[in-house]
Amino acid sequence: MSYHYEVVISCFLTGRTPEPVLDTLRWLCDLKVTTSEDSPELSPGFDPSGLHDVPDDDEDFPYQTLRPDPDSYLAGGEIARLRSQIRGFNESGDVVEWGFYARTLVLDDDMGEIYRILELIAPYVSDDGYGGHEREHYDSDQVSLYLFSGGT
């Protein structure tokens, strides 16, 4: 029997986050290619085939771990967003960063992918502290927090 985990990732990424990292997040969340503010276009030439070390014959390569399931068992459903947001201002003008939020149900076998995603974004997280959490879907007593600190 497999366990399912509710996974929430919630953080701001600096405005200097490299496009390949942003494109990887967009792809992992299955954000559609569009010109809307909520899910900007993927960079020209983005190739998701380099995201994971999986044999070439795997038809599901690579896996979109954070793609929201419209038929999810989570109350309120699953969501994934990556958007440019103004977080204040300084002497140079507006401080613009990337707001990233994902809430999804993940099979226990795929939890390793979540940790890889956290490692991918950690160097670009703008604020130390809370970055999300995970919990076994039917266990309301045990919650593990994701904490970012100094790029890790």
Protein backbone atom coordinates (compact mmCIF):
# COMPACT_ATOMS: atom_id res chain seq x y z
CA MET A 1 0.00 0.00 0.00
CA SER A 2 1.31 3.41 -0.89
CA TYR A 3 1.06 6.59 1.12
CA HIS A 4 0.12 9.96 -0.33
CA TYR A 5 1.51 13.24 0.95
CA GLU A 6 0.08 16.70 0.78
CA VAL A 7 3.02 18.85 -0.32
CA VAL A 8 2.98 22.65 -0.10
CA ILE A 9 5.83 24.83 -1.38
CA SER A 10 5.43 28.55 -0.74
CA CYS A 11 8.23 31.05 -1.23
CA PHE A 12 9.51 34.08 -3.09
CA LEU A 13 12.37 33.69 -5.54
CA THR A 14 14.64 36.61 -6.25
CA GLY A 15 14.18 38.65 -9.41
CA ARG A 16 17.58 37.32 -10.52
CA THR A 17 16.44 33.70 -10.58
CA PRO A 18 17.82 32.21 -13.82
CA GLU A 19 15.33 31.51 -16.61
CA PRO A 20 16.24 27.79 -16.75
CA VAL A 21 15.15 27.44 -13.09
CA LEU A 22 11.91 29.31 -13.74
CA ASP A 23 11.26 27.25 -16.87
CA THR A 24 11.85 24.05 -14.92
CA LEU A 25 9.30 25.13 -12.30
CA ARG A 26 6.80 26.08 -15.01
CA TRP A 27 7.24 22.69 -16.63
CA LEU A 28 7.06 20.71 -13.37
CA CYS A 29 3.79 22.51 -12.54
CA ASP A 30 2.43 22.07 -16.08
CA LEU A 31 1.87 25.80 -16.39
CA LYS A 32 0.60 26.42 -19.89
CA VAL A 33 2.60 28.41 -22.39
CA THR A 34 0.81 31.73 -22.48
CA THR A 35 1.50 35.42 -22.37
CA SER A 36 -0.60 35.94 -19.24
CA GLU A 37 0.99 37.41 -16.13
CA ASP A 38 0.25 34.28 -14.09
CA SER A 39 2.21 31.83 -16.22
CA PRO A 40 4.63 33.52 -18.59
CA GLU A 41 5.91 31.81 -21.70
CA LEU A 42 8.64 29.23 -21.47
CA SER A 43 11.99 30.48 -22.68
CA PRO A 44 12.73 29.77 -26.35
CA GLY A 45 14.49 26.45 -26.73
CA PHE A 46 13.56 25.11 -23.27
CA ASP A 47 14.07 21.34 -23.27
CA PRO A 48 12.67 19.41 -20.28
CA SER A 49 14.55 16.25 -21.29
CA GLY A 50 17.57 17.37 -19.26
CA LEU A 51 15.68 17.57 -15.96
CA HIS A 52 16.14 13.98 -14.81
CA ASP A 53 18.49 11.07 -15.39
CA VAL A 54 15.97 8.60 -16.77
CA PRO A 55 16.46 6.08 -19.59
CA ASP A 56 15.52 7.43 -23.03
CA ASP A 57 12.89 4.71 -23.50
CA ASP A 58 10.77 5.92 -20.56
CA GLU A 59 7.59 7.30 -22.16
CA ASP A 60 6.73 9.43 -19.12
CA PHE A 61 10.09 11.21 -19.06
CA PRO A 62 10.35 13.55 -17.34
CA TYR A 63 7.66 13.51 -14.66
CA GLN A 64 5.69 16.70 -13.93
CA THR A 65 5.71 16.24 -10.17
CA LEU A 66 3.80 19.41 -9.23
CA ARG A 67 1.14 19.28 -11.95
CA PRO A 68 -2.23 19.89 -10.24
CA ASP A 69 -4.69 17.01 -10.50
CA PRO A 70 -8.19 18.36 -11.25
CA ASP A 71 -9.67 15.26 -9.54
CA SER A 72 -7.53 15.53 -6.38
CA TYR A 73 -8.66 14.26 -2.99
CA LEU A 74 -7.29 17.40 -1.32
CA ALA A 75 -9.92 19.73 0.09
CA GLY A 76 -10.12 22.70 -2.24
CA GLY A 77 -8.06 20.94 -4.88
CA GLU A 78 -4.49 21.25 -6.05
CA ILE A 79 -2.85 24.41 -7.35
CA ALA A 80 0.45 25.63 -8.77
CA ARG A 81 1.36 29.25 -9.48
CA LEU A 82 4.48 31.12 -10.45
CA ARG A 83 4.04 34.83 -10.95
CA SER A 84 6.01 38.03 -10.92
CA GLN A 85 5.05 40.14 -7.91
CA ILE A 86 6.03 43.53 -6.54
CA ARG A 87 7.27 43.07 -2.96
CA GLY A 88 8.01 46.65 -2.08
CA PHE A 89 10.39 49.31 -3.31
CA ASN A 90 13.87 50.65 -2.71
CA GLU A 91 16.03 53.49 -4.06
CA SER A 92 16.15 51.75 -7.47
CA GLY A 93 12.37 51.38 -7.73
CA ASP A 94 10.01 48.44 -7.34
CA VAL A 95 11.38 45.20 -5.88
CA VAL A 96 10.04 42.49 -8.19
CA GLU A 97 10.34 38.82 -7.23
CA TRP A 98 8.78 35.53 -8.28
CA GLY A 99 6.00 34.24 -6.03
CA PHE A 100 5.91 30.45 -6.16
CA TYR A 101 3.12 28.40 -4.61
CA ALA A 102 2.29 24.76 -5.18
CA ARG A 103 -0.05 22.45 -3.27
CA THR A 104 -0.35 18.92 -4.54
CA LEU A 105 -0.82 15.31 -3.52
CA VAL A 106 2.34 13.24 -4.07
CA LEU A 107 2.79 9.47 -3.95
CA ASP A 108 5.43 8.38 -1.40
CA ASP A 109 7.59 6.93 -4.21
CA ASP A 110 7.84 10.41 -5.75
CA MET A 111 8.86 12.32 -2.62
CA GLY A 112 12.51 12.24 -3.72
CA GLU A 113 11.52 14.50 -6.59
CA ILE A 114 10.14 17.05 -4.14
CA TYR A 115 13.49 17.25 -2.37
CA ARG A 116 15.23 17.75 -5.73
CA ILE A 117 12.84 20.62 -6.49
CA LEU A 118 13.58 22.19 -3.10
CA GLU A 119 17.32 21.91 -3.81
CA LEU A 120 16.79 23.51 -7.22
CA ILE A 121 15.07 26.60 -5.84
CA ALA A 122 16.88 26.97 -2.48
CA PRO A 123 19.74 29.17 -3.77
CA TYR A 124 17.19 31.68 -5.15
CA VAL A 125 14.73 31.87 -2.25
CA SER A 126 14.70 35.49 -1.11
CA ASP A 127 13.64 35.02 2.54
CA ASP A 128 14.97 32.55 5.09
CA GLY A 129 12.35 30.63 7.03
CA TYR A 130 9.15 28.79 6.15
CA GLY A 131 9.05 27.39 2.64
CA GLY A 132 6.21 24.92 2.90
CA HIS A 133 5.40 21.57 4.44
CA GLU A 134 4.47 17.97 3.86
CA ARG A 135 2.13 15.63 5.69
CA GLU A 136 0.77 12.18 5.11
CA HIS A 137 -2.66 12.75 3.59
CA TYR A 138 -4.65 11.13 6.41
CA ASP A 139 -2.40 12.19 9.31
CA SER A 140 -3.27 15.59 10.74
CA ASP A 141 -0.88 15.26 13.71
CA GLN A 142 2.47 14.93 11.94
CA VAL A 143 3.62 17.80 9.71
CA SER A 144 7.18 18.27 8.44
CA LEU A 145 8.18 21.83 7.59
CA TYR A 146 10.41 22.96 4.75
CA LEU A 147 12.73 25.68 5.99
CA PHE A 148 15.09 27.70 3.81
CA SER A 149 18.24 29.23 5.20
CA GLY A 150 21.19 30.77 3.38
CA GLY A 151 20.55 29.06 0.06
CA THR A 152 19.81 25.61 1.42
